[in-house]
Protein backbone atom coordinates (compact mmCIF):
# COMPACT_ATOMS: atom_id res chain seq x y z
CA MET A 1 -26.13 13.41 -28.62
CA LEU A 2 -26.67 15.17 -25.29
CA GLU A 3 -24.79 12.40 -23.48
CA SER A 4 -21.83 12.60 -25.86
CA ILE A 5 -21.66 16.38 -25.42
CA ARG A 6 -21.97 16.01 -21.65
CA ARG A 7 -19.12 13.51 -21.42
CA GLY A 8 -17.00 15.45 -23.89
CA GLN A 9 -16.76 18.71 -21.99
CA LYS A 10 -13.22 18.40 -20.64
CA TRP A 11 -13.10 22.20 -20.48
CA LEU A 12 -16.01 22.17 -18.05
CA THR A 13 -14.35 19.69 -15.71
CA GLY A 14 -11.21 21.80 -15.98
CA ILE A 15 -12.97 25.02 -14.99
CA LEU A 16 -15.04 23.49 -12.21
CA VAL A 17 -12.50 21.19 -10.65
CA ALA A 18 -9.02 22.31 -11.60
CA LEU A 19 -9.22 25.88 -12.95
CA VAL A 20 -5.47 25.59 -13.46
CA GLY A 21 -3.57 22.32 -13.47
CA GLY A 22 -1.75 22.65 -10.16
CA VAL A 23 -4.93 23.24 -8.15
CA PHE A 24 -6.79 20.00 -8.92
CA VAL A 25 -5.43 18.12 -5.93
CA PHE A 26 -6.36 20.99 -3.66
CA PHE A 27 -9.95 21.12 -4.80
CA MET A 28 -10.29 17.35 -4.38
CA GLY A 29 -8.68 17.19 -0.96
CA LEU A 30 -9.71 20.08 1.29
CA GLY A 31 -10.06 18.86 4.84
CA GLY A 32 -12.30 19.94 7.67
CA PRO A 33 -16.07 19.75 8.18
CA MET A 34 -18.43 21.89 6.13
CA GLN A 35 -20.54 24.10 8.41
CA GLN A 36 -24.19 24.60 7.65
CA GLY A 37 -26.03 27.86 7.43
CA ALA A 38 -29.47 28.49 6.03
CA PRO A 39 -29.33 29.32 2.30
CA SER A 40 -32.39 30.22 0.27
CA GLN A 41 -34.86 27.47 -0.51
CA GLY A 42 -33.33 24.83 -2.83
CA THR A 43 -29.87 26.42 -2.74
CA VAL A 44 -26.84 24.31 -1.78
CA VAL A 45 -24.25 27.14 -1.50
CA GLU A 46 -25.02 30.82 -1.07
CA LEU A 47 -22.46 33.62 -0.87
CA GLY A 48 -23.53 37.19 -1.60
CA SER A 49 -25.32 37.16 -4.94
CA ILE A 50 -23.92 33.73 -5.82
CA ARG A 51 -26.40 30.88 -5.44
CA LEU A 52 -25.55 27.34 -6.49
CA ASP A 53 -28.36 24.81 -6.42
CA GLN A 54 -28.79 21.04 -6.48
CA ARG A 55 -28.53 20.97 -10.29
CA ASP A 56 -25.05 22.54 -10.01
CA PHE A 57 -24.10 20.04 -7.33
CA LEU A 58 -25.21 17.04 -9.40
CA ARG A 59 -23.40 18.33 -12.48
CA VAL A 60 -20.11 18.77 -10.60
CA ARG A 61 -20.52 15.41 -8.91
CA ALA A 62 -21.06 13.64 -12.26
CA GLN A 63 -17.98 15.29 -13.75
CA GLN A 64 -15.80 14.36 -10.80
CA SER A 65 -17.15 10.82 -10.87
CA ASP A 66 -16.22 10.59 -14.56
CA ALA A 67 -12.73 11.91 -13.79
CA TYR A 68 -12.18 9.26 -11.11
CA ARG A 69 -13.51 6.56 -13.43
CA ASP A 70 -11.05 7.66 -16.14
CA GLN A 71 -8.17 7.50 -13.64
CA LEU A 72 -9.07 4.29 -11.80
CA GLY A 73 -10.81 2.22 -14.48
CA ASP A 74 -12.29 -1.00 -13.10
CA GLN A 75 -11.17 -0.12 -9.56
CA PHE A 76 -13.66 2.74 -9.41
CA ASN A 77 -16.90 1.97 -7.56
CA SER A 78 -19.31 4.89 -7.40
CA LYS A 79 -21.56 3.15 -4.85
CA VAL A 80 -18.76 2.46 -2.40
CA GLY A 81 -17.40 6.00 -2.81
CA ARG A 82 -20.78 7.75 -2.72
CA SER A 83 -20.23 9.80 0.45
CA PHE A 84 -16.70 10.71 -0.69
CA LEU A 85 -17.95 11.95 -4.07
CA ASP A 86 -20.71 13.93 -2.38
CA ALA A 87 -18.22 15.63 -0.07
CA GLN A 88 -15.79 16.46 -2.87
CA ALA A 89 -18.50 17.88 -5.12
CA LEU A 90 -19.78 20.06 -2.29
CA ARG A 91 -16.28 21.33 -1.52
CA THR A 92 -15.79 22.18 -5.19
CA LEU A 93 -19.00 24.23 -5.22
CA VAL A 94 -17.95 26.08 -2.06
CA ASN A 95 -14.49 26.85 -3.46
CA ARG A 96 -15.92 28.08 -6.74
CA ALA A 97 -18.30 30.40 -4.89
CA ILE A 98 -15.48 31.80 -2.72
CA LEU A 99 -13.18 32.43 -5.69
CA ALA A 100 -15.89 34.13 -7.75
CA HIS A 101 -17.10 36.21 -4.80
CA GLU A 102 -13.61 37.43 -3.88
CA ALA A 103 -12.73 38.16 -7.50
CA HIS A 104 -15.85 40.30 -7.81
CA ASP A 105 -15.04 42.16 -4.58
CA LEU A 106 -11.58 42.96 -5.98
CA GLY A 107 -13.18 44.53 -9.05
CA LEU A 108 -12.54 41.70 -11.50
CA ARG A 109 -15.26 41.27 -14.11
CA VAL A 110 -16.24 38.84 -16.88
CA GLY A 111 -17.87 40.27 -20.00
CA ARG A 112 -20.26 38.52 -22.36
CA GLU A 113 -17.52 38.49 -25.01
CA GLU A 114 -15.32 36.32 -22.78
CA ILE A 115 -18.16 33.86 -22.23
CA GLN A 116 -18.93 33.82 -25.95
CA GLN A 117 -15.30 33.07 -26.73
CA VAL A 118 -15.34 30.01 -24.45
CA VAL A 119 -18.62 28.81 -25.95
CA VAL A 120 -17.62 29.07 -29.61
CA GLN A 121 -14.29 27.34 -28.90
CA THR A 122 -15.90 24.37 -27.15
CA PRO A 123 -15.47 21.24 -29.36
CA GLY A 124 -18.87 19.85 -28.34
CA PHE A 125 -20.61 22.86 -29.80
CA VAL A 126 -18.87 22.70 -33.19
CA ASP A 127 -20.27 20.72 -36.13
CA GLU A 128 -18.35 18.57 -38.61
CA SER A 129 -17.48 21.59 -40.74
CA GLY A 130 -15.93 23.42 -37.77
CA ARG A 131 -18.77 25.92 -37.36
CA PHE A 132 -20.57 26.75 -34.14
CA ASP A 133 -23.77 24.70 -33.95
CA GLU A 134 -26.50 26.69 -32.17
CA LYS A 135 -28.77 23.65 -31.85
CA ARG A 136 -26.12 21.58 -30.11
CA PHE A 137 -25.43 24.48 -27.80
CA GLY A 138 -29.10 25.10 -27.08
CA ASP A 139 -29.88 21.43 -26.44
CA TYR A 140 -26.92 21.08 -24.08
CA VAL A 141 -27.68 24.25 -22.13
CA GLU A 142 -31.35 23.33 -21.75
CA TYR A 143 -30.47 19.78 -20.63
CA GLU A 144 -27.76 20.75 -18.14
CA TYR A 145 -28.79 24.24 -16.94
CA GLY A 146 -32.48 24.68 -17.71
CA ASN A 147 -31.96 27.93 -19.64
CA GLN A 148 -29.27 30.19 -21.06
CA HIS A 149 -29.45 32.63 -18.15
CA ASN A 150 -28.38 29.91 -15.71
CA TYR A 151 -25.61 28.83 -18.04
CA ILE A 152 -24.25 32.38 -18.44
CA GLU A 153 -24.24 32.92 -14.66
CA PHE A 154 -22.49 29.60 -14.19
CA MET A 155 -19.82 30.53 -16.74
CA ARG A 156 -19.44 33.98 -15.21
CA TYR A 157 -18.69 32.47 -11.79
CA ALA A 158 -16.30 29.93 -13.28
CA LEU A 159 -14.31 32.52 -15.27
CA LEU A 160 -14.23 34.91 -12.31
CA GLY A 161 -12.80 32.10 -10.22
CA GLN A 162 -10.21 31.38 -12.88
CA LYS A 163 -9.08 35.01 -12.83
CA MET A 164 -8.82 34.89 -9.05
CA VAL A 165 -6.65 31.76 -9.22
CA ARG A 166 -4.32 33.45 -11.69
CA LEU A 167 -4.07 36.46 -9.41
CA LEU A 168 -3.30 34.30 -6.38
CA TYR A 169 -0.71 32.36 -8.35
CA THR A 170 1.39 35.50 -8.82
CA GLN A 171 2.32 35.23 -5.11
CA GLY A 172 4.69 32.27 -5.44
CA GLU A 173 7.93 33.65 -6.84
CA VAL A 174 11.21 31.82 -6.10
CA SER A 175 14.61 33.54 -6.22
CA GLU A 176 17.62 32.28 -8.17
CA GLY A 177 19.42 31.65 -4.87
CA GLU A 178 16.58 29.52 -3.50
CA ALA A 179 16.47 27.48 -6.70
CA ARG A 180 20.26 27.00 -6.74
CA ALA A 181 20.37 25.89 -3.09
CA SER A 182 17.52 23.45 -3.65
CA ALA A 183 19.11 22.04 -6.83
CA LEU A 184 22.43 21.55 -5.03
CA TYR A 185 20.59 19.86 -2.17
CA ARG A 186 18.77 17.48 -4.50
CA LEU A 187 21.68 16.64 -6.80
CA GLN A 188 24.32 15.88 -4.18
CA GLN A 189 25.21 12.21 -3.80
CA ALA A 190 26.80 10.31 -0.94
CA GLN A 191 28.02 6.77 -0.35
CA ILE A 192 28.07 5.35 3.15
CA GLY A 193 29.39 2.31 4.92
CA TYR A 194 27.33 0.91 7.76
CA VAL A 195 27.17 -1.71 10.48
CA ALA A 196 23.67 -3.08 11.06
CA LEU A 197 23.11 -5.11 14.24
CA ASP A 198 19.94 -7.21 14.35
CA ALA A 199 18.11 -6.54 17.61
CA GLU A 200 15.68 -9.44 17.16
CA THR A 201 17.68 -12.36 15.78
CA LEU A 202 20.98 -13.77 17.00
CA PRO A 203 23.73 -14.70 14.52
CA PRO A 204 23.81 -18.45 13.72
CA ASP A 205 26.94 -18.95 15.85
CA SER A 206 25.39 -17.31 18.91
CA GLU A 207 22.49 -19.63 19.70
CA ILE A 208 21.53 -19.79 23.38
CA GLY A 209 21.81 -23.01 25.39
CA ASP A 210 19.06 -25.15 26.91
CA GLU A 211 19.94 -23.97 30.43
CA VAL A 212 19.34 -20.34 29.40
CA VAL A 213 15.98 -21.29 27.89
CA ALA A 214 14.97 -23.16 31.06
CA ALA A 215 15.97 -20.20 33.24
CA TYR A 216 13.99 -17.79 31.06
CA ALA A 217 10.90 -20.03 31.20
CA SER A 218 11.16 -20.25 34.99
CA ALA A 219 11.43 -16.49 35.41
CA ASN A 220 8.82 -15.44 32.81
CA GLY A 221 5.98 -17.92 33.09
CA GLU A 222 3.15 -15.36 33.02
CA GLU A 223 4.66 -13.54 30.03
CA LEU A 224 5.00 -16.81 28.10
CA ARG A 225 1.45 -17.86 28.87
CA ALA A 226 0.16 -14.50 27.65
CA LEU A 227 2.23 -14.95 24.49
CA TYR A 228 0.74 -18.43 24.05
CA GLU A 229 -2.80 -17.02 24.30
CA GLU A 230 -1.95 -14.28 21.80
CA ARG A 231 -0.47 -16.69 19.25
CA MET A 232 -2.73 -19.68 19.86
CA ASP A 233 -3.78 -19.86 16.21
CA GLU A 234 -0.17 -20.79 15.35
CA PHE A 235 -0.47 -23.92 17.45
CA GLU A 236 -3.62 -25.34 15.90
CA LEU A 237 -3.22 -28.93 14.66
CA GLU A 238 -5.12 -30.50 11.80
CA SER A 239 -6.20 -34.11 11.97
CA GLN A 240 -3.24 -36.45 11.45
CA PHE A 241 -3.05 -40.12 10.54
CA ARG A 242 -0.44 -42.81 11.02
CA LEU A 243 -0.78 -44.82 7.81
CA ARG A 244 0.61 -47.68 5.81
CA HIS A 245 0.00 -48.01 2.11
CA ALA A 246 0.71 -50.19 -0.85
CA LEU A 247 1.09 -48.70 -4.34
CA PHE A 248 0.39 -50.39 -7.66
CA GLU A 249 1.97 -47.93 -10.01
CA LEU A 250 0.72 -46.56 -13.33
CA GLY A 251 2.74 -44.63 -15.88
CA SER A 252 2.01 -41.04 -16.88
CA ALA A 253 -0.26 -42.11 -19.76
CA PRO A 254 -1.42 -45.68 -18.99
CA THR A 255 -3.30 -47.74 -21.52
CA PRO A 256 -6.60 -49.36 -20.52
CA GLY A 257 -4.78 -52.66 -20.29
CA GLU A 258 -2.14 -51.27 -17.92
CA THR A 259 -4.82 -49.69 -15.72
CA GLU A 260 -6.70 -52.98 -15.50
CA ALA A 261 -3.49 -54.88 -14.66
CA ALA A 262 -2.72 -52.48 -11.75
CA ARG A 263 -6.27 -52.79 -10.49
CA THR A 264 -5.99 -56.59 -10.59
CA LYS A 265 -2.81 -56.46 -8.45
CA ALA A 266 -4.61 -54.31 -5.87
CA GLU A 267 -7.52 -56.72 -5.73
CA ALA A 268 -5.11 -59.66 -5.28
CA PHE A 269 -3.54 -57.77 -2.35
CA LEU A 270 -7.00 -57.33 -0.82
CA ALA A 271 -7.80 -61.00 -1.29
CA ARG A 272 -4.70 -62.05 0.62
CA LEU A 273 -5.55 -59.58 3.39
CA ALA A 274 -8.96 -61.20 3.66
CA GLU A 275 -7.24 -64.56 4.13
CA GLY A 276 -5.43 -63.18 7.20
CA GLU A 277 -2.02 -62.06 5.90
CA GLU A 278 -0.53 -58.91 7.43
CA PHE A 279 -0.65 -55.59 5.57
CA ALA A 280 3.00 -54.73 6.32
CA VAL A 281 4.27 -58.09 5.05
CA LEU A 282 2.25 -57.83 1.85
CA ALA A 283 3.35 -54.21 1.27
CA SER A 284 7.01 -55.26 1.58
CA GLU A 285 6.40 -58.00 -1.01
CA LEU A 286 4.00 -56.38 -3.50
CA SER A 287 4.09 -52.54 -3.28
CA ASP A 288 5.64 -50.56 -6.15
CA ASP A 289 6.65 -47.68 -3.86
CA PRO A 290 10.43 -48.03 -3.31
CA SER A 291 10.51 -45.38 -0.55
CA THR A 292 8.21 -47.31 1.80
CA ARG A 293 8.48 -50.94 0.65
CA GLU A 294 11.24 -51.91 3.08
CA SER A 295 9.29 -50.45 6.03
CA GLY A 296 6.13 -52.35 5.13
CA GLY A 297 4.47 -49.34 3.51
CA ASP A 298 4.89 -47.11 6.57
CA LEU A 299 4.01 -43.47 5.73
CA GLY A 300 4.44 -42.33 9.32
CA LEU A 301 2.31 -39.53 10.77
CA VAL A 302 0.81 -37.50 7.93
CA GLY A 303 -1.65 -34.64 7.51
CA PRO A 304 -3.68 -33.13 4.67
CA ASP A 305 -0.67 -31.29 3.22
CA ASP A 306 1.61 -34.34 3.21
CA ILE A 307 -0.09 -36.85 0.91
CA ALA A 308 -2.65 -36.93 -1.90
CA SER A 309 -6.11 -35.70 -0.93
CA GLU A 310 -7.66 -38.98 -2.13
CA LEU A 311 -5.67 -40.87 0.50
CA ILE A 312 -6.67 -38.43 3.27
CA LEU A 313 -10.31 -38.86 2.24
CA ALA A 314 -9.95 -42.63 2.43
CA ALA A 315 -8.23 -42.45 5.84
CA ASN A 316 -11.06 -40.28 7.21
CA GLY A 317 -13.45 -43.16 6.63
CA LEU A 318 -11.40 -45.75 8.54
CA GLU A 319 -11.03 -46.83 12.13
CA PRO A 320 -7.60 -47.90 13.47
CA GLY A 321 -6.73 -51.34 12.10
CA GLN A 322 -9.02 -51.02 9.07
CA HIS A 323 -7.87 -50.73 5.46
CA SER A 324 -9.40 -49.11 2.41
CA SER A 325 -10.42 -50.53 -0.92
CA ALA A 326 -8.36 -49.54 -3.98
CA VAL A 327 -7.95 -45.73 -4.24
CA GLN A 328 -6.74 -44.25 -7.53
CA THR A 329 -4.43 -41.20 -7.67
CA ASP A 330 -2.24 -39.85 -10.46
CA ARG A 331 0.45 -42.36 -9.35
CA GLY A 332 -1.71 -45.47 -9.54
CA PHE A 333 -3.85 -47.58 -7.20
CA HIS A 334 -3.27 -47.38 -3.43
CA LEU A 335 -4.43 -49.46 -0.51
CA VAL A 336 -4.33 -47.60 2.82
CA MET A 337 -4.38 -48.95 6.37
CA LEU A 338 -5.03 -46.65 9.36
CA GLU A 339 -2.91 -47.39 12.41
CA GLU A 340 -3.66 -44.27 14.49
CA ARG A 341 -5.78 -41.13 14.23
CA ILE A 342 -4.90 -37.86 16.00
CA ASP A 343 -7.86 -35.51 15.96
CA ALA A 344 -7.56 -31.80 15.24
CA GLY A 345 -6.85 -29.58 18.23
CA VAL A 346 -4.45 -27.07 19.74
CA ARG A 347 -1.05 -27.88 21.14
CA SER A 348 -1.04 -27.28 24.87
CA PHE A 349 1.00 -24.60 26.60
CA VAL A 350 3.19 -27.28 28.14
CA GLU A 351 4.01 -28.61 24.66
CA VAL A 352 5.08 -25.24 23.29
CA GLU A 353 6.40 -23.50 26.42
CA SER A 354 10.01 -24.39 25.63
CA GLN A 355 9.65 -23.17 22.03
CA LEU A 356 8.19 -19.84 23.18
CA ALA A 357 10.87 -19.46 25.85
CA ARG A 358 13.64 -20.09 23.32
CA GLU A 359 12.21 -17.52 20.90
CA ALA A 360 11.75 -14.88 23.62
CA ALA A 361 15.13 -15.53 25.24
CA SER A 362 16.85 -15.39 21.85
CA LYS A 363 15.16 -12.11 21.03
CA GLN A 364 16.17 -10.69 24.41
CA ALA A 365 19.76 -11.84 23.90
CA ALA A 366 19.80 -10.36 20.38
CA ALA A 367 18.58 -6.99 21.67
CA GLN A 368 21.19 -7.04 24.46
CA ARG A 369 23.96 -7.98 22.01
CA ALA A 370 22.94 -5.21 19.58
CA ASP A 371 22.82 -2.62 22.38
CA GLU A 372 26.21 -3.60 23.78
CA ILE A 373 28.05 -3.72 20.43
CA SER A 374 26.46 -0.50 19.11
CA ASP A 375 27.42 1.29 22.34
CA GLU A 376 31.00 0.01 22.00
CA LEU A 377 31.20 1.19 18.39
CA ALA A 378 29.77 4.61 19.27
CA ALA A 379 32.30 4.99 22.12
CA ALA A 380 35.18 4.02 19.83
CA ILE A 381 34.08 6.63 17.27
CA ARG A 382 33.87 9.31 19.95
CA ASP A 383 37.45 8.35 20.91
CA GLY A 384 38.60 9.06 17.36
CA GLN A 385 38.36 5.68 15.61
CA SER A 386 36.63 5.23 12.27
CA LEU A 387 33.58 2.98 12.16
CA GLU A 388 35.39 0.67 9.77
CA ASP A 389 38.34 0.17 12.14
CA ALA A 390 36.11 -0.24 15.20
CA ALA A 391 33.97 -2.79 13.36
CA ARG A 392 37.00 -4.76 12.13
CA GLU A 393 38.35 -5.06 15.69
CA ARG A 394 35.09 -6.73 16.71
CA GLY A 395 34.92 -9.07 13.75
CA LEU A 396 32.11 -7.13 12.07
CA THR A 397 31.75 -6.33 8.38
CA LEU A 398 31.24 -2.80 7.09
CA GLU A 399 28.50 -2.97 4.44
CA ARG A 400 28.51 -0.40 1.62
CA THR A 401 25.69 1.35 -0.20
CA GLY A 402 25.71 2.67 -3.73
CA MET A 403 25.66 6.42 -4.30
CA LEU A 404 22.63 7.86 -2.50
CA ARG A 405 20.51 10.92 -3.13
CA ARG A 406 18.22 12.66 -0.67
CA ARG A 407 14.73 11.20 -0.60
CA ALA A 408 11.69 12.36 1.33
CA ASP A 409 11.02 8.83 2.57
CA GLY A 410 14.63 8.36 3.72
CA PHE A 411 14.98 5.01 1.97
CA VAL A 412 18.49 3.52 1.85
CA GLY A 413 19.01 0.41 -0.24
CA GLY A 414 19.96 -2.60 1.87
CA LEU A 415 18.68 -0.99 5.07
CA GLY A 416 15.21 0.47 4.68
CA ALA A 417 13.65 3.85 5.42
CA SER A 418 15.22 6.24 7.92
CA PRO A 419 15.03 9.97 7.09
CA GLU A 420 17.30 10.72 10.08
CA LEU A 421 20.00 8.33 8.91
CA LEU A 422 19.90 9.65 5.33
CA ALA A 423 20.12 13.23 6.60
CA MET A 424 23.20 12.29 8.64
CA ALA A 425 24.79 10.71 5.55
CA PHE A 426 24.80 14.15 3.90
CA ALA A 427 25.77 15.99 7.09
CA LEU A 428 29.01 14.00 7.62
CA ARG A 429 32.27 15.55 6.38
CA PRO A 430 35.33 13.84 4.84
CA ASP A 431 37.48 15.07 7.74
CA LYS A 432 35.07 13.53 10.27
CA PRO A 433 33.35 10.73 8.34
CA SER A 434 32.03 8.49 11.16
CA SER A 435 28.99 9.26 13.28
CA PRO A 436 28.57 7.95 16.86
CA GLU A 437 24.78 8.26 16.54
CA ILE A 438 22.90 4.94 16.67
CA PHE A 439 19.89 4.76 14.32
CA THR A 440 17.01 2.33 14.61
CA VAL A 441 15.99 1.04 11.17
CA GLY A 442 13.34 -1.65 11.37
CA SER A 443 14.70 -4.30 13.76
CA LYS A 444 18.33 -3.17 13.36
CA LEU A 445 20.62 -0.76 15.19
CA VAL A 446 22.78 1.01 12.61
CA LEU A 447 25.91 3.17 12.67
CA ILE A 448 27.22 4.85 9.51
CA GLU A 449 30.40 6.27 7.99
CA LEU A 450 30.75 8.56 4.97
CA LEU A 451 32.79 6.87 2.24
CA ASP A 452 32.33 9.29 -0.67
CA ARG A 453 30.43 12.41 -1.59
CA SER A 454 29.80 13.87 -5.03
CA ASP A 455 28.66 17.45 -5.65
CA PRO A 456 26.95 18.38 -8.93
CA THR A 457 28.95 20.16 -11.64
CA GLU A 458 27.99 23.62 -12.85
CA ALA A 459 26.52 21.99 -15.95
CA ASP A 460 24.38 19.72 -13.76
CA LEU A 461 23.33 22.70 -11.67
CA GLY A 462 22.39 24.71 -14.74
CA ASP A 463 19.75 22.15 -15.75
CA GLY A 464 18.74 21.46 -12.16
CA ILE A 465 18.19 25.09 -11.17
CA ALA A 466 15.55 25.61 -13.86
CA ARG A 467 13.72 22.42 -12.83
CA GLU A 468 13.91 23.31 -9.14
CA ARG A 469 12.69 26.83 -9.69
CA SER A 470 9.66 25.53 -11.56
CA ARG A 471 8.98 22.88 -8.91
CA LEU A 472 9.40 25.26 -5.98
CA GLN A 473 7.24 27.91 -7.58
CA GLU A 474 4.44 25.41 -8.17
CA ALA A 475 4.68 24.18 -4.58
CA LYS A 476 4.78 27.71 -3.15
CA LYS A 477 1.83 28.84 -5.27
CA ASN A 478 -0.25 25.84 -4.30
CA ALA A 479 0.58 26.32 -0.61
CA PHE A 480 -0.38 30.01 -0.75
CA PHE A 481 -3.55 29.23 -2.68
CA GLN A 482 -4.66 26.52 -0.24
CA SER A 483 -3.97 28.72 2.77
CA TRP A 484 -5.84 31.65 1.25
CA VAL A 485 -8.97 29.65 0.37
CA GLU A 486 -9.10 27.94 3.77
CA THR A 487 -8.73 31.27 5.55
CA ARG A 488 -11.43 32.97 3.49
CA ARG A 489 -13.80 30.02 3.89
CA SER A 490 -13.41 30.17 7.66
CA GLU A 491 -13.93 33.94 7.77
CA LEU A 492 -16.95 33.89 5.47
CA THR A 493 -18.55 31.04 7.39
CA LYS A 494 -18.06 32.73 10.77
CA SER A 495 -19.51 35.99 9.45
CA GLY A 496 -22.61 34.18 8.19
CA ARG A 497 -22.12 35.27 4.59
CA LEU A 498 -21.20 31.77 3.37
CA ARG A 499 -24.11 29.43 3.91
CA ILE A 500 -24.26 25.77 3.00
CA ASP A 501 -27.25 23.43 3.10
CA ASN A 502 -26.12 19.81 3.30
CA SER A 503 -29.71 18.61 3.48
CA VAL A 504 -30.30 19.56 -0.16
CA VAL A 505 -27.34 17.38 -1.13
CA GLU A 506 -28.48 14.46 1.07
CA SER A 507 -31.96 14.56 -0.46
């Protein structure tokens, strides 16, 4: 019963961790190191007459652990997050002490009637008939707090802190004008056209020639060798085999008789090999594989990813010139002959130098092309041309977005994230729609032009203003609250009045 009561006290988690809904994130995420003082023996946090001990710490920690488990489900691992949970529980205790202490200093008080009201309204203390159950209450208080005095003090601090939060939250008022401006800002939409020039990859019709690659390799040998060392894992080679094979095919669901007939053909092939006939000649005559029959069963140079694993296993056991016994796969029975083995290794720098030079030279040419064209477009716009006209003259296509709204991450569909570009999209005017500014978005250089802009109607604004006012007030209140608590914590710590003993927690 005690465990069910303990887990059922959502009100307790609310008072300790959140106090009011908008503050939960703050309590769980305060930054900065906790400074130690020297509280009384066994006390974790001490501030004035407020003393919170290890029992309080463990209770808060268990409640926060339960909250994370509810949110994260199977992803929650209390052992991995042990130090994090410890830190958050300690911060919660410190914040609760500060709020209660400051509320008391301001003259706020909590009477026994207020505490009684919370107790009698707690679902875990009510029996099936809806009446307050003194035994449930007594058992819970004794289990969690040791005695009723500790519980009453705990509740007094919690309710004092709640009053202080409510007082602090009166500081975040937002005017009608602020809300209207923010709603207009959020509800505006814009459509842009853009030219995006890839600074890493050349267009298909602009590939560089072999002479350019050779010149780049000659001039950048040390750079290419360093690149080779950096990317060496890309040039690792698995073992490869030059093989011939003969296939004696089976259907998708062969009968025992059909399987035996295919095996007999393979054994006849082996018998003729033993008499001195050549593998390639026999494969051309007897193999059921139409793709290799005419070439005498030649599979060419193959690796583990190219053919069935059973055939690779058989090839690993052969020396050049040797053949396997019959090997069964889902296609039928195979006979394999090894002509050449190439052991695993790493391609040499000489082998890949040309490839690296071509990649690097192409990237350099792409960057140069993007710089030159973007500069030309920007100059044309400064001279009074639109981006669309300037792009058309150079054979470029003006891409178009859908209607965009402002986003904190600056994401633009088709391009990626660029807060600066998105801000410019809303700064452009219909009488001067093209911007000469060149934006870097990922690997692309981008210029934009305003195509359309839509402002919200009064009806849209009416709904939006109310939402924005609520959102801005919540943000402003939280910001004020966080700043206030951090400031008071710093002041109380420096004065020596707030003392914290981490060693009690660690033990």
